[in-house]
N, C-alpha and C. Protein backbone atom coordinates (compact mmCIF):
# COMPACT_ATOMS: atom_id res chain seq x y z
N MET A 1 -80.67 59.39 180.35
CA MET A 1 -81.60 58.84 179.43
C MET A 1 -81.54 57.22 179.41
N GLN A 2 -82.64 56.70 179.56
CA GLN A 2 -82.79 55.11 179.46
C GLN A 2 -82.76 54.59 178.00
N VAL A 3 -82.15 53.40 177.83
CA VAL A 3 -82.12 52.85 176.52
C VAL A 3 -83.11 51.70 176.45
N VAL A 4 -83.80 51.57 175.48
CA VAL A 4 -84.96 50.56 175.33
C VAL A 4 -84.51 49.73 174.05
N LEU A 5 -84.42 48.73 174.01
CA LEU A 5 -84.02 47.86 172.65
C LEU A 5 -85.42 47.46 172.29
N LEU A 6 -85.94 47.56 170.97
CA LEU A 6 -87.13 46.97 170.49
C LEU A 6 -86.79 45.98 169.60
N GLU A 7 -86.94 44.68 169.95
CA GLU A 7 -86.25 43.56 169.13
C GLU A 7 -87.16 42.59 168.52
N GLN A 8 -88.50 42.87 168.88
CA GLN A 8 -89.44 41.87 168.18
C GLN A 8 -90.18 42.49 167.02
N GLN A 9 -90.43 41.66 166.03
CA GLN A 9 -91.29 42.22 164.83
C GLN A 9 -92.93 42.17 165.36
N THR A 10 -93.00 43.36 165.67
CA THR A 10 -94.34 43.85 166.10
C THR A 10 -94.78 45.25 166.07
N ASP A 11 -95.95 45.56 166.67
CA ASP A 11 -96.45 46.93 166.71
C ASP A 11 -96.00 47.29 168.13
N TYR A 12 -95.30 48.51 168.28
CA TYR A 12 -95.29 49.21 169.77
C TYR A 12 -95.89 50.31 169.69
N ILE A 13 -96.55 50.28 170.78
CA ILE A 13 -97.68 51.73 171.02
C ILE A 13 -97.05 52.23 172.29
N LEU A 14 -96.25 53.25 172.22
CA LEU A 14 -95.47 53.80 173.62
C LEU A 14 -95.79 55.21 173.99
N GLU A 15 -95.84 55.63 175.27
CA GLU A 15 -96.04 56.80 175.74
C GLU A 15 -95.01 57.02 176.70
N PRO A 16 -94.09 57.68 176.01
CA PRO A 16 -92.69 57.96 177.05
C PRO A 16 -93.09 58.98 178.22
N VAL A 17 -92.51 58.71 179.35
CA VAL A 17 -92.77 59.67 180.39
C VAL A 17 -91.52 60.30 180.94
N GLU A 18 -90.31 59.50 180.18
CA GLU A 18 -88.95 60.09 180.75
C GLU A 18 -88.20 60.14 179.46
N ASP A 19 -86.97 60.66 179.41
CA ASP A 19 -86.18 60.86 178.16
C ASP A 19 -85.72 59.37 177.90
N THR A 20 -85.96 59.00 176.63
CA THR A 20 -85.80 57.49 176.31
C THR A 20 -85.04 57.43 174.78
N PHE A 21 -83.97 56.55 174.74
CA PHE A 21 -83.45 56.33 173.43
C PHE A 21 -84.06 54.84 173.09
N TYR A 22 -84.96 54.82 172.09
CA TYR A 22 -85.39 53.50 171.42
C TYR A 22 -84.58 53.18 170.39
N LEU A 23 -84.17 51.86 170.28
CA LEU A 23 -83.20 51.36 169.33
C LEU A 23 -83.95 50.05 168.69
N VAL A 24 -84.04 50.08 167.35
CA VAL A 24 -84.61 48.88 166.56
C VAL A 24 -83.59 48.33 165.87
N LEU A 25 -83.10 47.19 165.93
CA LEU A 25 -82.06 46.54 165.21
C LEU A 25 -82.71 45.22 164.25
N LEU A 26 -82.82 45.46 163.07
CA LEU A 26 -83.56 44.57 162.13
C LEU A 26 -82.94 43.24 162.23
N ASN A 27 -83.59 42.30 162.29
CA ASN A 27 -82.87 40.87 162.42
C ASN A 27 -82.43 40.50 161.15
N LYS A 28 -81.10 40.38 161.02
CA LYS A 28 -80.26 39.92 159.90
C LYS A 28 -80.65 38.61 159.43
N SER A 29 -81.10 37.56 160.17
CA SER A 29 -81.40 36.35 159.61
C SER A 29 -82.86 36.23 159.05
N LYS A 30 -83.64 37.19 159.22
CA LYS A 30 -85.02 37.05 158.93
C LYS A 30 -85.18 37.52 157.22
N LYS A 31 -85.81 36.84 156.59
CA LYS A 31 -86.12 37.40 155.01
C LYS A 31 -87.27 38.38 154.96
N GLN A 32 -88.16 38.51 155.69
CA GLN A 32 -89.08 39.48 155.93
C GLN A 32 -89.46 39.85 157.21
N GLY A 33 -90.10 41.13 157.49
CA GLY A 33 -90.53 41.50 158.81
C GLY A 33 -91.20 42.85 158.65
N LYS A 34 -91.85 43.27 159.71
CA LYS A 34 -92.78 44.42 159.77
C LYS A 34 -92.47 44.99 161.32
N ILE A 35 -92.06 46.14 161.33
CA ILE A 35 -91.98 46.86 162.68
C ILE A 35 -92.76 48.16 162.59
N LYS A 36 -93.56 48.45 163.47
CA LYS A 36 -94.38 49.69 163.71
C LYS A 36 -93.90 50.34 165.12
N VAL A 37 -93.61 51.50 164.97
CA VAL A 37 -93.41 52.25 166.40
C VAL A 37 -94.09 53.54 166.55
N ASP A 38 -94.90 53.50 167.39
CA ASP A 38 -95.80 54.63 167.56
C ASP A 38 -95.48 55.22 168.98
N LEU A 39 -94.90 56.64 169.06
CA LEU A 39 -94.53 57.12 170.11
C LEU A 39 -95.65 58.30 170.44
N THR A 40 -96.36 58.39 171.41
CA THR A 40 -97.34 59.62 171.69
C THR A 40 -96.71 60.29 172.91
N PHE A 41 -96.44 61.57 172.74
CA PHE A 41 -95.91 62.37 173.82
C PHE A 41 -97.13 63.21 174.34
N LYS A 42 -97.32 62.83 175.70
CA LYS A 42 -98.62 63.44 176.34
C LYS A 42 -98.01 64.28 177.47
N LYS A 43 -96.84 63.97 177.91
CA LYS A 43 -96.15 64.67 179.10
C LYS A 43 -95.08 65.68 178.37
N SER A 44 -95.15 66.91 178.83
CA SER A 44 -94.07 68.14 178.72
C SER A 44 -92.85 67.64 178.98
N ALA A 45 -91.92 68.19 178.10
CA ALA A 45 -90.43 68.17 178.44
C ALA A 45 -89.80 66.83 178.23
N VAL A 46 -90.37 65.95 177.60
CA VAL A 46 -90.01 64.54 177.29
C VAL A 46 -89.18 64.60 176.02
N ASN A 47 -87.94 64.09 176.09
CA ASN A 47 -86.93 64.09 174.84
C ASN A 47 -86.71 62.64 174.48
N CYS A 48 -86.86 62.22 173.28
CA CYS A 48 -86.73 60.92 172.95
C CYS A 48 -85.88 60.79 171.49
N GLN A 49 -85.30 59.58 171.37
CA GLN A 49 -84.53 59.36 170.12
C GLN A 49 -85.16 58.03 169.62
N LEU A 50 -85.36 57.82 168.40
CA LEU A 50 -85.70 56.30 167.79
C LEU A 50 -84.79 56.14 166.74
N LEU A 51 -84.13 55.13 166.78
CA LEU A 51 -83.05 54.74 165.77
C LEU A 51 -83.49 53.35 165.26
N PHE A 52 -83.59 53.30 163.93
CA PHE A 52 -83.63 51.90 163.22
C PHE A 52 -82.30 51.86 162.59
N ILE A 53 -81.71 50.61 162.70
CA ILE A 53 -80.59 50.06 162.06
C ILE A 53 -80.77 48.77 161.42
N GLY A 54 -80.38 48.82 159.99
CA GLY A 54 -80.59 47.47 159.46
C GLY A 54 -79.69 47.05 158.30
N ARG A 55 -79.13 45.85 158.35
CA ARG A 55 -78.29 45.35 157.35
C ARG A 55 -79.25 44.30 156.60
N LEU A 56 -79.80 44.61 155.44
CA LEU A 56 -80.78 43.85 154.70
C LEU A 56 -80.11 42.86 153.79
N SER A 57 -80.36 41.48 154.31
CA SER A 57 -79.88 40.42 153.48
C SER A 57 -80.45 40.30 152.04
N SER A 58 -79.85 39.59 151.21
CA SER A 58 -80.46 39.38 149.57
C SER A 58 -81.97 38.82 149.82
N ASP A 59 -82.75 39.43 148.90
CA ASP A 59 -84.16 38.79 148.95
C ASP A 59 -85.03 39.10 149.95
N SER A 60 -84.55 39.95 150.97
CA SER A 60 -85.41 40.25 152.14
C SER A 60 -86.41 41.33 151.89
N ASN A 61 -87.42 41.46 152.71
CA ASN A 61 -88.57 42.24 152.36
C ASN A 61 -88.87 43.01 153.86
N TRP A 62 -88.77 44.18 154.04
CA TRP A 62 -89.10 44.89 155.21
C TRP A 62 -90.13 45.91 155.03
N GLN A 63 -91.00 45.96 156.12
CA GLN A 63 -91.91 47.03 156.22
C GLN A 63 -91.60 47.80 157.47
N LEU A 64 -91.26 49.13 157.49
CA LEU A 64 -91.02 49.81 158.83
C LEU A 64 -91.86 51.00 158.88
N GLU A 65 -92.26 51.36 160.20
CA GLU A 65 -93.14 52.53 160.20
C GLU A 65 -92.94 53.35 161.45
N SER A 66 -92.87 54.45 161.53
CA SER A 66 -92.73 55.27 162.73
C SER A 66 -93.73 56.42 162.65
N ASN A 67 -94.46 56.66 163.89
CA ASN A 67 -95.36 57.74 164.14
C ASN A 67 -95.01 58.52 165.35
N MET A 68 -94.71 59.71 165.24
CA MET A 68 -94.41 60.56 166.42
C MET A 68 -95.59 61.41 166.48
N ARG A 69 -96.21 61.36 167.65
CA ARG A 69 -97.49 62.17 167.94
C ARG A 69 -97.20 63.18 169.28
N HIS A 70 -96.92 64.42 168.88
CA HIS A 70 -96.53 65.28 169.90
C HIS A 70 -97.92 66.23 170.38
N LEU A 71 -98.26 65.87 171.63
CA LEU A 71 -99.49 66.39 172.11
C LEU A 71 -99.30 67.12 173.42
N ALA A 72 -97.92 67.41 173.66
CA ALA A 72 -97.73 68.12 174.83
C ALA A 72 -96.49 69.26 174.48
N SER A 73 -96.47 70.15 175.13
CA SER A 73 -95.35 71.18 174.91
C SER A 73 -93.94 70.83 175.13
N LYS A 74 -92.97 71.22 174.48
CA LYS A 74 -91.69 71.24 174.85
C LYS A 74 -91.06 69.61 174.76
N THR A 75 -91.79 69.00 173.91
CA THR A 75 -91.18 67.62 173.62
C THR A 75 -90.33 67.61 172.41
N SER A 76 -89.54 66.67 172.32
CA SER A 76 -88.43 66.42 171.20
C SER A 76 -88.42 65.06 170.83
N CYS A 77 -88.20 64.62 169.63
CA CYS A 77 -87.92 63.43 169.11
C CYS A 77 -86.98 63.51 167.84
N LEU A 78 -85.92 62.69 167.75
CA LEU A 78 -85.07 62.50 166.70
C LEU A 78 -85.33 61.15 165.98
N THR A 79 -85.78 60.98 164.92
CA THR A 79 -85.83 59.68 164.30
C THR A 79 -84.98 59.41 163.24
N ASP A 80 -84.16 58.36 163.35
CA ASP A 80 -83.27 57.91 162.29
C ASP A 80 -83.49 56.63 161.80
N VAL A 81 -83.31 56.54 160.56
CA VAL A 81 -83.39 55.04 159.81
C VAL A 81 -82.07 54.85 158.99
N TYR A 82 -81.35 54.10 159.41
CA TYR A 82 -80.07 53.74 158.72
C TYR A 82 -80.12 52.39 158.09
N LEU A 83 -80.12 52.15 156.64
CA LEU A 83 -80.19 50.78 156.23
C LEU A 83 -79.21 50.54 155.13
N SER A 84 -78.51 49.31 155.03
CA SER A 84 -77.88 48.98 153.78
C SER A 84 -78.66 47.94 153.18
N GLN A 85 -78.69 47.91 151.93
CA GLN A 85 -79.54 46.92 150.99
C GLN A 85 -78.60 46.18 150.03
N THR A 86 -78.74 44.77 150.05
CA THR A 86 -78.04 44.03 149.15
C THR A 86 -78.98 43.63 148.06
N ASP A 87 -78.44 42.73 147.20
CA ASP A 87 -79.40 42.05 146.07
C ASP A 87 -80.75 41.98 146.40
N GLN A 88 -81.74 42.60 145.56
CA GLN A 88 -83.00 42.33 145.54
C GLN A 88 -83.76 42.32 147.05
N SER A 89 -83.27 43.19 147.88
CA SER A 89 -83.90 43.61 149.01
C SER A 89 -84.90 44.72 148.92
N LYS A 90 -85.86 44.56 149.72
CA LYS A 90 -86.99 45.54 149.65
C LYS A 90 -87.24 46.35 150.93
N VAL A 91 -87.54 47.65 151.00
CA VAL A 91 -87.91 48.29 152.07
C VAL A 91 -88.98 49.25 151.80
N ASP A 92 -90.07 49.34 152.72
CA ASP A 92 -90.95 50.24 152.57
C ASP A 92 -91.16 50.86 153.93
N TYR A 93 -90.80 52.32 154.01
CA TYR A 93 -90.64 52.90 155.22
C TYR A 93 -91.63 54.02 155.23
N PHE A 94 -92.42 54.17 156.09
CA PHE A 94 -93.44 55.34 156.42
C PHE A 94 -93.17 55.88 157.69
N GLY A 95 -92.93 57.29 157.52
CA GLY A 95 -92.57 58.07 158.97
C GLY A 95 -93.34 59.23 159.09
N GLN A 96 -94.10 59.38 160.18
CA GLN A 96 -94.97 60.50 160.37
C GLN A 96 -94.69 61.30 161.63
N ILE A 97 -94.65 62.58 161.46
CA ILE A 97 -94.55 63.49 162.56
C ILE A 97 -95.74 64.32 162.61
N TYR A 98 -96.47 64.20 163.87
CA TYR A 98 -97.64 65.07 164.05
C TYR A 98 -97.52 65.96 165.35
N ILE A 99 -97.47 67.13 165.07
CA ILE A 99 -97.39 68.34 166.04
C ILE A 99 -98.83 68.87 166.33
N GLY A 100 -99.57 68.47 167.56
CA GLY A 100 -100.70 69.07 167.72
C GLY A 100 -100.72 70.65 167.96
N GLN A 101 -101.81 71.14 168.02
CA GLN A 101 -101.91 72.68 168.37
C GLN A 101 -101.57 72.96 169.77
N GLN A 102 -101.63 71.95 170.67
CA GLN A 102 -101.42 72.18 172.12
C GLN A 102 -100.01 71.77 172.20
N ALA A 103 -99.13 71.89 171.32
CA ALA A 103 -97.72 71.30 171.54
C ALA A 103 -96.58 72.42 171.19
N PRO A 104 -96.74 73.58 171.64
CA PRO A 104 -95.66 74.55 171.18
C PRO A 104 -94.24 74.22 171.81
N ASN A 105 -93.20 74.82 171.13
CA ASN A 105 -91.89 74.55 171.56
C ASN A 105 -91.47 73.00 171.58
N THR A 106 -91.99 72.48 170.41
CA THR A 106 -91.70 71.08 170.09
C THR A 106 -90.73 71.09 169.00
N LYS A 107 -89.95 70.11 168.96
CA LYS A 107 -88.79 69.71 168.17
C LYS A 107 -89.11 68.20 167.58
N SER A 108 -88.96 68.03 166.33
CA SER A 108 -89.19 66.70 165.79
C SER A 108 -88.59 66.51 164.57
N PHE A 109 -87.59 65.59 164.46
CA PHE A 109 -86.86 65.49 163.09
C PHE A 109 -86.77 63.99 162.53
N LEU A 110 -87.04 63.77 161.48
CA LEU A 110 -86.87 62.61 160.82
C LEU A 110 -85.95 62.30 159.65
N LYS A 111 -85.06 61.45 159.71
CA LYS A 111 -84.11 61.10 158.50
C LYS A 111 -84.01 59.86 158.24
N GLU A 112 -84.21 59.40 156.83
CA GLU A 112 -83.92 57.86 156.52
C GLU A 112 -82.91 58.04 155.54
N GLN A 113 -81.97 57.09 155.59
CA GLN A 113 -80.86 56.94 154.50
C GLN A 113 -80.68 55.35 154.30
N SER A 114 -80.66 55.15 153.05
CA SER A 114 -80.32 53.78 152.65
C SER A 114 -79.02 53.73 151.73
N LEU A 115 -78.24 52.83 151.85
CA LEU A 115 -77.06 52.61 151.34
C LEU A 115 -77.46 51.27 150.34
N VAL A 116 -77.24 51.51 148.93
CA VAL A 116 -77.56 50.37 148.09
C VAL A 116 -76.13 49.69 147.65
N LEU A 117 -76.16 48.36 148.21
CA LEU A 117 -74.85 47.48 147.89
C LEU A 117 -74.99 46.60 146.72
N GLY A 118 -76.28 46.26 146.41
CA GLY A 118 -76.69 45.25 145.35
C GLY A 118 -77.57 45.64 144.26
N GLN A 119 -77.96 44.87 143.49
CA GLN A 119 -78.67 45.02 142.26
C GLN A 119 -80.27 44.97 142.67
N ALA A 120 -81.12 45.38 141.80
CA ALA A 120 -82.49 45.34 141.70
C ALA A 120 -83.12 45.59 143.21
N THR A 121 -82.62 46.51 143.71
CA THR A 121 -83.18 46.76 145.09
C THR A 121 -84.33 47.61 145.03
N TYR A 122 -85.28 47.86 146.17
CA TYR A 122 -86.33 48.59 146.19
C TYR A 122 -86.40 49.37 147.44
N ASN A 123 -86.57 50.47 147.43
CA ASN A 123 -86.77 51.57 148.56
C ASN A 123 -87.72 52.55 148.37
N ARG A 124 -88.96 52.21 149.00
CA ARG A 124 -89.98 53.45 149.19
C ARG A 124 -89.99 54.09 150.45
N SER A 125 -89.89 55.38 150.39
CA SER A 125 -89.72 56.08 151.72
C SER A 125 -90.84 57.52 151.86
N ARG A 126 -91.63 57.17 152.47
CA ARG A 126 -92.77 58.12 152.66
C ARG A 126 -92.65 58.95 154.11
N PRO A 127 -91.90 59.93 154.19
CA PRO A 127 -91.90 60.84 155.30
C PRO A 127 -92.98 61.98 155.15
N ILE A 128 -93.81 62.25 156.21
CA ILE A 128 -94.87 62.96 156.40
C ILE A 128 -94.79 63.93 157.48
N LEU A 129 -95.15 65.27 157.32
CA LEU A 129 -95.24 66.23 158.59
C LEU A 129 -96.80 66.66 158.58
N GLU A 130 -97.23 66.56 159.87
CA GLU A 130 -98.53 67.24 160.09
C GLU A 130 -98.30 68.03 161.24
N ILE A 131 -98.44 69.44 160.92
CA ILE A 131 -98.09 70.50 161.97
C ILE A 131 -99.12 71.53 162.21
N PHE A 132 -99.67 71.47 163.52
CA PHE A 132 -100.94 72.46 163.81
C PHE A 132 -100.50 73.44 164.69
N ASN A 133 -98.98 73.82 164.97
CA ASN A 133 -98.76 74.84 165.79
C ASN A 133 -97.40 75.54 164.92
N ASN A 134 -97.29 76.94 165.05
CA ASN A 134 -96.14 77.57 164.37
C ASN A 134 -95.16 77.77 165.19
N LYS A 135 -95.20 77.34 166.52
CA LYS A 135 -94.00 77.52 167.43
C LYS A 135 -92.97 76.27 167.43
N VAL A 136 -92.77 75.66 166.54
CA VAL A 136 -92.01 74.37 166.36
C VAL A 136 -90.99 74.38 165.54
N LYS A 137 -90.15 73.30 165.70
CA LYS A 137 -89.08 72.98 164.68
C LYS A 137 -89.27 71.49 164.26
N ALA A 138 -89.33 71.41 163.00
CA ALA A 138 -89.51 70.07 162.33
C ALA A 138 -89.11 69.93 161.05
N SER A 139 -88.45 68.75 160.79
CA SER A 139 -87.98 68.49 159.29
C SER A 139 -88.04 66.95 159.08
N HIS A 140 -88.16 66.68 157.79
CA HIS A 140 -87.96 65.39 157.31
C HIS A 140 -87.00 65.09 156.22
N SER A 141 -86.44 63.95 155.82
CA SER A 141 -85.61 64.01 154.84
C SER A 141 -85.41 62.29 154.56
N ALA A 142 -85.27 61.96 153.19
CA ALA A 142 -84.82 60.61 152.83
C ALA A 142 -84.13 60.48 151.71
N SER A 143 -83.00 59.63 151.70
CA SER A 143 -82.08 59.56 150.68
C SER A 143 -81.85 58.19 150.45
N SER A 144 -81.26 57.84 149.30
CA SER A 144 -80.64 56.51 148.79
C SER A 144 -79.77 56.83 147.93
N SER A 145 -78.51 55.92 148.17
CA SER A 145 -77.20 56.28 147.41
C SER A 145 -76.65 54.92 147.14
N ARG A 146 -75.91 54.77 146.04
CA ARG A 146 -75.10 53.61 145.69
C ARG A 146 -73.68 54.01 146.36
N LEU A 147 -72.76 53.08 146.38
CA LEU A 147 -71.35 53.19 146.78
C LEU A 147 -70.67 54.00 145.59
N SER A 148 -69.74 54.80 145.84
CA SER A 148 -69.15 55.59 144.82
C SER A 148 -68.13 54.67 144.26
N GLU A 149 -68.06 54.68 142.93
CA GLU A 149 -67.18 54.02 142.08
C GLU A 149 -65.64 54.50 142.33
N ILE A 150 -65.73 55.80 142.66
CA ILE A 150 -64.46 56.36 142.81
C ILE A 150 -63.70 55.94 144.03
N ASP A 151 -64.74 55.89 145.13
CA ASP A 151 -64.15 55.37 146.33
C ASP A 151 -63.72 53.91 146.40
N LEU A 152 -64.64 53.14 145.52
CA LEU A 152 -64.24 51.69 145.52
C LEU A 152 -62.91 51.60 144.68
N PHE A 153 -62.83 52.30 143.62
CA PHE A 153 -61.47 52.20 142.61
C PHE A 153 -60.19 52.70 143.92
N TYR A 154 -60.43 53.74 144.47
CA TYR A 154 -59.31 54.22 145.33
C TYR A 154 -58.99 52.93 146.43
N LEU A 155 -59.95 52.27 147.04
CA LEU A 155 -59.61 51.17 147.88
C LEU A 155 -59.09 50.20 147.36
N MET A 156 -59.51 49.83 146.05
CA MET A 156 -59.04 48.63 145.21
C MET A 156 -57.59 48.88 145.02
N SER A 157 -57.15 50.35 144.47
CA SER A 157 -55.86 50.47 144.26
C SER A 157 -55.02 50.47 145.42
N ARG A 158 -55.47 50.22 146.60
CA ARG A 158 -54.52 50.21 147.74
C ARG A 158 -54.61 48.64 148.23
N GLY A 159 -55.08 47.84 147.18
CA GLY A 159 -54.81 46.28 147.55
C GLY A 159 -55.94 45.45 147.89
N PHE A 160 -57.13 46.21 148.24
CA PHE A 160 -58.34 45.49 148.83
C PHE A 160 -59.03 45.00 147.38
N ASN A 161 -59.69 43.88 147.66
CA ASN A 161 -60.65 43.36 146.57
C ASN A 161 -61.91 44.13 146.68
N ARG A 162 -62.94 44.04 145.64
CA ARG A 162 -64.11 44.77 145.49
C ARG A 162 -64.93 44.44 146.92
N GLN A 163 -65.04 43.18 147.18
CA GLN A 163 -65.92 42.89 148.29
C GLN A 163 -65.29 43.42 149.44
N GLU A 164 -64.02 43.56 149.79
CA GLU A 164 -63.53 44.18 151.07
C GLU A 164 -63.69 45.60 150.88
N ALA A 165 -63.47 46.22 149.74
CA ALA A 165 -63.76 47.70 149.77
C ALA A 165 -65.21 48.08 149.94
N GLU A 166 -66.12 47.23 149.56
CA GLU A 166 -67.62 47.53 149.72
C GLU A 166 -67.76 47.37 151.20
N LYS A 167 -67.29 46.46 151.82
CA LYS A 167 -67.40 46.34 153.41
C LYS A 167 -66.91 47.50 154.14
N ILE A 168 -65.70 47.89 153.78
CA ILE A 168 -65.09 48.98 154.39
C ILE A 168 -66.04 50.47 153.99
N LEU A 169 -66.71 50.44 153.12
CA LEU A 169 -67.45 51.63 152.80
C LEU A 169 -68.94 51.45 153.57
N GLU A 170 -69.33 50.39 153.60
CA GLU A 170 -70.51 50.17 154.38
C GLU A 170 -70.31 50.45 155.92
N GLU A 171 -69.00 50.16 156.37
CA GLU A 171 -68.92 50.41 157.80
C GLU A 171 -68.61 51.90 158.00
N ALA A 172 -68.23 52.57 157.03
CA ALA A 172 -68.08 54.00 157.24
C ALA A 172 -69.46 54.51 157.15
N PHE A 173 -70.32 54.21 156.39
CA PHE A 173 -71.88 54.62 156.35
C PHE A 173 -72.44 54.47 157.80
N PHE A 174 -72.28 53.31 158.52
CA PHE A 174 -72.86 52.92 159.79
C PHE A 174 -72.26 53.72 160.77
N ASN A 175 -70.84 53.95 160.63
CA ASN A 175 -70.15 54.81 161.64
C ASN A 175 -70.51 56.39 161.76
N LYS A 176 -71.04 56.62 160.56
CA LYS A 176 -71.75 58.15 160.79
C LYS A 176 -72.82 58.17 161.90
N ILE A 177 -73.60 57.26 161.96
CA ILE A 177 -74.73 57.18 162.99
C ILE A 177 -74.13 56.89 164.34
N LEU A 178 -73.11 55.96 164.24
CA LEU A 178 -72.55 55.32 165.57
C LEU A 178 -71.94 56.50 166.33
N ALA A 179 -71.20 57.32 165.52
CA ALA A 179 -70.59 58.47 166.21
C ALA A 179 -71.35 59.34 166.84
N ALA A 180 -72.68 59.50 166.35
CA ALA A 180 -73.68 60.47 166.85
C ALA A 180 -74.15 60.04 168.08
N VAL A 181 -74.31 58.63 168.37
CA VAL A 181 -74.93 57.85 169.56
C VAL A 181 -73.86 58.16 170.81
N LYS A 182 -74.28 58.79 171.81
CA LYS A 182 -73.53 59.17 173.05
C LYS A 182 -73.69 58.22 174.01
N LEU A 183 -74.84 57.51 174.16
CA LEU A 183 -75.15 56.55 175.15
C LEU A 183 -74.21 55.31 175.18
N PRO A 184 -73.50 54.98 175.97
CA PRO A 184 -72.55 53.72 175.87
C PRO A 184 -73.30 52.44 175.80
N VAL A 185 -74.48 52.31 176.33
CA VAL A 185 -75.31 51.07 176.37
C VAL A 185 -75.60 50.76 174.82
N ALA A 186 -76.16 51.93 174.23
CA ALA A 186 -76.91 51.80 173.00
C ALA A 186 -75.65 51.57 171.87
N LYS A 187 -74.52 52.42 172.16
CA LYS A 187 -73.26 52.13 171.35
C LYS A 187 -72.78 50.76 171.20
N LYS A 188 -72.96 50.10 172.41
CA LYS A 188 -72.34 48.76 172.51
C LYS A 188 -73.39 47.78 171.67
N LEU A 189 -74.65 48.06 171.85
CA LEU A 189 -75.67 47.24 171.04
C LEU A 189 -75.58 47.47 169.70
N ILE A 190 -75.35 48.60 169.30
CA ILE A 190 -75.06 48.94 167.62
C ILE A 190 -73.72 48.22 167.12
N LYS A 191 -72.73 48.42 167.92
CA LYS A 191 -71.58 47.86 167.61
C LYS A 191 -71.46 46.11 167.52
N ASP A 192 -72.23 45.54 168.44
CA ASP A 192 -72.48 44.14 168.52
C ASP A 192 -73.30 43.74 167.28
N TYR A 193 -74.08 44.46 166.88
CA TYR A 193 -75.14 44.16 165.76
C TYR A 193 -74.36 44.35 164.56
N LEU A 194 -73.53 45.40 164.38
CA LEU A 194 -72.86 45.53 163.09
C LEU A 194 -71.65 44.60 162.90
N ALA A 195 -71.11 44.12 163.90
CA ALA A 195 -69.91 43.17 164.07
C ALA A 195 -70.11 41.88 163.19
């Protein structure tokens, strides 16, 4: 499987013809950005993964969009969005999975997770499924959570200050998706980004 890094704030319109891992790393130094990724599957038996990872700085504002259009049989796509949000950061995410009538035996899954680290954050998530074939597997989910005060208390009782404890728990949040990435090139890009 090839790895493709999508690093520009732009619209991507892609038609994968081979198995591909698409990686979007949100620019930590930018206060606002917009990225849209459209993947249209016209060739059968193509498997892809799309992963957005972002550490949103204070007062940042991001618009993210992913559209998976399955128009051929036996295609699959796994879309993951992992974000951490600090004070007054805003995220608006729209994720769509479309599976056409001519795309039996398709698998497409979408998951968005946000970890809230600061105050007055905003997260709007709109996952949508449009399925026109009964012989498919598809799902979507979105969640937003704060750090557990119990976990913070435990780490602080072990000598870490609150800021250090928050950083440890944020790393644990991102390590969940990092552990699921099996491609060494993609894993290194993510580790470098999170460092």
